[in-house]
Protein backbone atom coordinates (compact mmCIF):
# COMPACT_ATOMS: atom_id res chain seq x y z
CA MET A 1 -80.04 -22.69 59.21
CA HIS A 2 -77.81 -20.10 56.93
CA HIS A 3 -76.04 -20.22 60.69
CA VAL A 4 -75.05 -23.96 60.27
CA ILE A 5 -73.89 -23.38 56.64
CA VAL A 6 -71.53 -20.97 57.12
CA HIS A 7 -69.99 -22.87 60.14
CA PHE A 8 -69.78 -25.60 57.64
CA ARG A 9 -67.58 -23.79 55.13
CA ARG A 10 -65.54 -22.22 57.41
CA SER A 11 -64.63 -25.49 58.76
CA LEU A 12 -64.20 -26.47 55.03
CA GLY A 13 -62.11 -23.35 54.56
CA ILE A 14 -59.89 -24.60 57.09
CA VAL A 15 -59.52 -28.28 56.90
CA LEU A 16 -58.54 -27.16 53.09
CA LEU A 17 -55.75 -24.88 54.26
CA MET A 18 -54.30 -27.22 56.42
CA THR A 19 -54.56 -30.39 53.89
CA LEU A 20 -52.44 -27.39 51.22
CA ALA A 21 -49.76 -26.23 54.32
CA GLY A 22 -49.16 -30.43 54.84
CA CYS A 23 -48.19 -30.60 50.91
CA ALA A 24 -46.56 -27.04 50.79
CA GLY A 25 -43.00 -28.57 51.28
CA ARG A 26 -43.09 -31.19 48.74
CA PRO A 27 -40.92 -31.11 46.22
CA ASP A 28 -43.43 -31.13 42.22
CA ALA A 29 -40.54 -33.23 40.79
CA PRO A 30 -39.45 -37.32 41.69
CA SER A 31 -36.13 -38.11 43.28
CA VAL A 32 -33.29 -38.33 41.27
CA THR A 33 -29.74 -40.20 42.01
CA LEU A 34 -26.32 -38.84 41.48
CA TYR A 35 -23.09 -41.17 42.00
CA LEU A 36 -20.24 -39.33 42.41
CA ILE A 37 -17.04 -41.27 42.18
CA ARG A 38 -12.95 -40.30 41.60
CA HIS A 39 -11.38 -42.19 39.04
CA ALA A 40 -9.55 -45.51 39.77
CA GLU A 41 -5.60 -46.01 40.74
CA THR A 42 -3.41 -44.88 38.32
CA ILE A 43 0.23 -45.68 37.39
CA GLN A 44 2.61 -43.76 39.42
CA ALA A 45 3.64 -41.11 36.95
CA GLU A 46 4.39 -37.90 38.63
CA VAL A 47 5.54 -35.72 35.25
CA ASP A 48 2.24 -37.10 33.62
CA PRO A 49 -0.87 -35.58 34.44
CA ASP A 50 -3.41 -37.35 31.88
CA ARG A 51 -1.73 -40.99 32.83
CA PRO A 52 -3.94 -43.93 32.60
CA LEU A 53 -4.71 -46.96 34.99
CA ASN A 54 -2.59 -49.21 36.40
CA GLY A 55 -4.00 -52.88 36.70
CA GLN A 56 -5.76 -52.52 39.98
CA GLY A 57 -7.22 -49.29 38.61
CA ARG A 58 -8.64 -51.83 35.49
CA GLU A 59 -10.29 -54.46 38.30
CA ARG A 60 -11.94 -51.01 39.77
CA ALA A 61 -12.95 -50.40 36.66
CA ARG A 62 -14.85 -53.49 36.04
CA TRP A 63 -15.61 -53.32 39.66
CA LEU A 64 -18.18 -50.59 39.22
CA ALA A 65 -19.26 -52.01 36.22
CA THR A 66 -20.70 -54.42 38.10
CA TYR A 67 -22.07 -52.52 40.92
CA PHE A 68 -23.75 -50.28 38.30
CA ALA A 69 -25.18 -53.39 36.27
CA ASP A 70 -28.64 -53.51 38.28
CA ARG A 71 -28.84 -49.84 38.83
CA ASP A 72 -30.68 -47.54 36.56
CA LEU A 73 -28.20 -44.75 35.26
CA SER A 74 -29.08 -43.07 32.12
CA VAL A 75 -26.17 -39.72 32.27
CA ILE A 76 -22.18 -40.01 32.35
CA TYR A 77 -20.88 -37.29 33.06
CA SER A 78 -16.57 -37.45 33.04
CA THR A 79 -13.76 -35.04 32.53
CA PRO A 80 -11.65 -35.23 29.39
CA ILE A 81 -8.65 -37.12 31.26
CA THR A 82 -7.78 -40.33 30.85
CA ARG A 83 -7.80 -41.91 34.30
CA THR A 84 -11.74 -40.59 34.37
CA ARG A 85 -12.57 -41.87 30.73
CA GLN A 86 -11.34 -45.49 31.56
CA THR A 87 -12.63 -45.43 34.99
CA VAL A 88 -16.30 -45.38 33.27
CA SER A 89 -15.49 -46.98 30.12
CA GLU A 90 -17.05 -50.68 31.04
CA ILE A 91 -20.48 -48.89 32.43
CA GLN A 92 -20.57 -47.12 29.18
CA LYS A 93 -20.17 -49.66 27.30
CA ALA A 94 -22.16 -52.02 29.42
CA LYS A 95 -25.24 -49.29 29.81
CA GLY A 96 -25.23 -48.66 26.10
CA LEU A 97 -24.70 -44.36 26.85
CA GLU A 98 -22.56 -42.23 25.78
CA VAL A 99 -20.14 -40.36 27.79
CA THR A 100 -20.41 -36.07 28.35
CA THR A 101 -17.31 -34.50 29.11
CA TYR A 102 -16.89 -31.80 31.56
CA ASP A 103 -14.69 -28.94 32.67
CA PRO A 104 -13.55 -29.95 35.98
CA ARG A 105 -13.02 -26.09 36.74
CA ALA A 106 -16.47 -25.64 35.58
CA LEU A 107 -17.84 -26.86 38.61
CA ASP A 108 -20.56 -24.41 39.02
CA GLU A 109 -21.65 -24.76 35.75
CA LEU A 110 -22.13 -28.65 35.90
CA ALA A 111 -24.15 -28.56 39.24
CA ASP A 112 -26.59 -26.37 37.99
CA ARG A 113 -26.89 -28.80 35.08
CA LEU A 114 -27.57 -31.60 37.93
CA ARG A 115 -29.75 -29.98 39.84
CA GLN A 116 -31.76 -30.44 36.62
CA ALA A 117 -31.44 -33.36 35.65
CA SER A 118 -34.34 -35.82 35.54
CA ALA A 119 -32.08 -39.45 35.75
CA ALA A 120 -29.91 -41.50 37.36
CA THR A 121 -26.25 -39.73 36.63
CA LEU A 122 -22.82 -40.44 37.30
CA VAL A 123 -20.03 -38.24 37.45
CA ALA A 124 -16.61 -39.51 37.24
CA GLY A 125 -14.04 -36.74 38.51
CA HIS A 126 -10.97 -36.13 40.71
CA SER A 127 -9.77 -36.49 44.42
CA ASN A 128 -10.44 -32.47 44.60
CA THR A 129 -13.59 -32.18 41.67
CA THR A 130 -15.21 -34.50 43.35
CA PRO A 131 -16.13 -34.05 46.71
CA ALA A 132 -15.46 -30.07 46.01
CA LEU A 133 -19.14 -31.38 43.21
CA LEU A 134 -20.71 -32.83 46.03
CA ASN A 135 -20.32 -29.69 48.23
CA LEU A 136 -21.69 -27.10 45.96
CA LEU A 137 -24.72 -29.31 45.04
CA LEU A 138 -25.13 -29.10 49.18
CA LYS A 139 -24.73 -25.95 49.38
CA GLU A 140 -21.84 -26.49 52.10
CA ASP A 141 -18.72 -27.60 52.66
CA ARG A 142 -18.84 -30.31 54.35
CA TYR A 143 -16.10 -33.02 52.54
CA GLU A 144 -12.81 -32.19 51.84
CA GLN A 145 -10.63 -33.15 49.07
CA LEU A 146 -9.97 -36.99 48.88
CA ASP A 147 -6.59 -38.33 50.34
CA ASP A 148 -4.17 -39.56 47.05
CA ALA A 149 -4.51 -43.68 48.10
CA GLU A 150 -8.81 -42.95 48.55
CA HIS A 151 -10.30 -44.31 45.20
CA SER A 152 -13.15 -46.40 46.73
CA LEU A 153 -16.10 -44.15 47.87
CA ILE A 154 -19.14 -43.91 46.03
CA PHE A 155 -21.17 -41.12 47.12
CA VAL A 156 -24.88 -41.55 46.38
CA VAL A 157 -26.57 -38.30 46.00
CA THR A 158 -30.38 -38.23 46.26
CA LEU A 159 -32.31 -35.25 44.66
CA SER A 160 -35.61 -33.62 45.17
CA GLY A 161 -36.91 -30.54 43.49
CA GLY A 162 -33.24 -29.54 42.77
CA GLU A 163 -31.66 -29.66 46.35
CA VAL A 164 -29.89 -32.72 48.27
CA SER A 165 -31.90 -34.86 50.49
CA GLY A 166 -29.67 -37.42 51.38
CA VAL A 167 -26.14 -38.85 51.00
CA ARG A 168 -25.04 -42.04 51.21
CA ILE A 169 -21.55 -43.55 50.59
CA ASP A 170 -21.13 -46.55 49.21
CA ARG A 171 -17.32 -48.15 49.00
CA SER A 172 -16.16 -50.70 45.90
CA GLN A 173 -14.58 -53.80 47.20
CA ALA A 174 -11.01 -53.83 48.24
CA LEU A 175 -8.30 -54.37 45.65
CA PRO A 176 -5.05 -56.45 46.17
CA SER A 177 -2.05 -54.03 45.65
CA THR A 178 -0.09 -54.24 42.57
């Protein structure tokens, strides 16, 4: 009888270890969605680094507000530049959220904050900062600077346990040229 009990305990221990091993790679934290966008179209002013959105850009900002209308969103980040703030303005109003300003020269710090995010977050940036931030989150150089004419990409990033577990690219609607 003693031999049977020892064998049962050993078998139970093996089953327990196999069960724990199966759970080892699963993150404790639920997944969080990040949305990374570039600002919408701006007026053509080579000398004004803080140029505002043009008519097409304002239309894209309104479209983005409809895109986010049915999506959970709790935090919005934007650079202090006028065009990024204007791009998220309609979303901010519709969601009743404050916009947190970040320094586009301190993307490492922002990436660290985003890895700790506990709720869906939108980050508005620029042609160089948006892919750079995504690369920091991915911990690899996968995305290059966006073309100057590209304003339609919405990078949908899923974080699990602070690490990227998926990236999907949505596109905002095509807008007529102005």
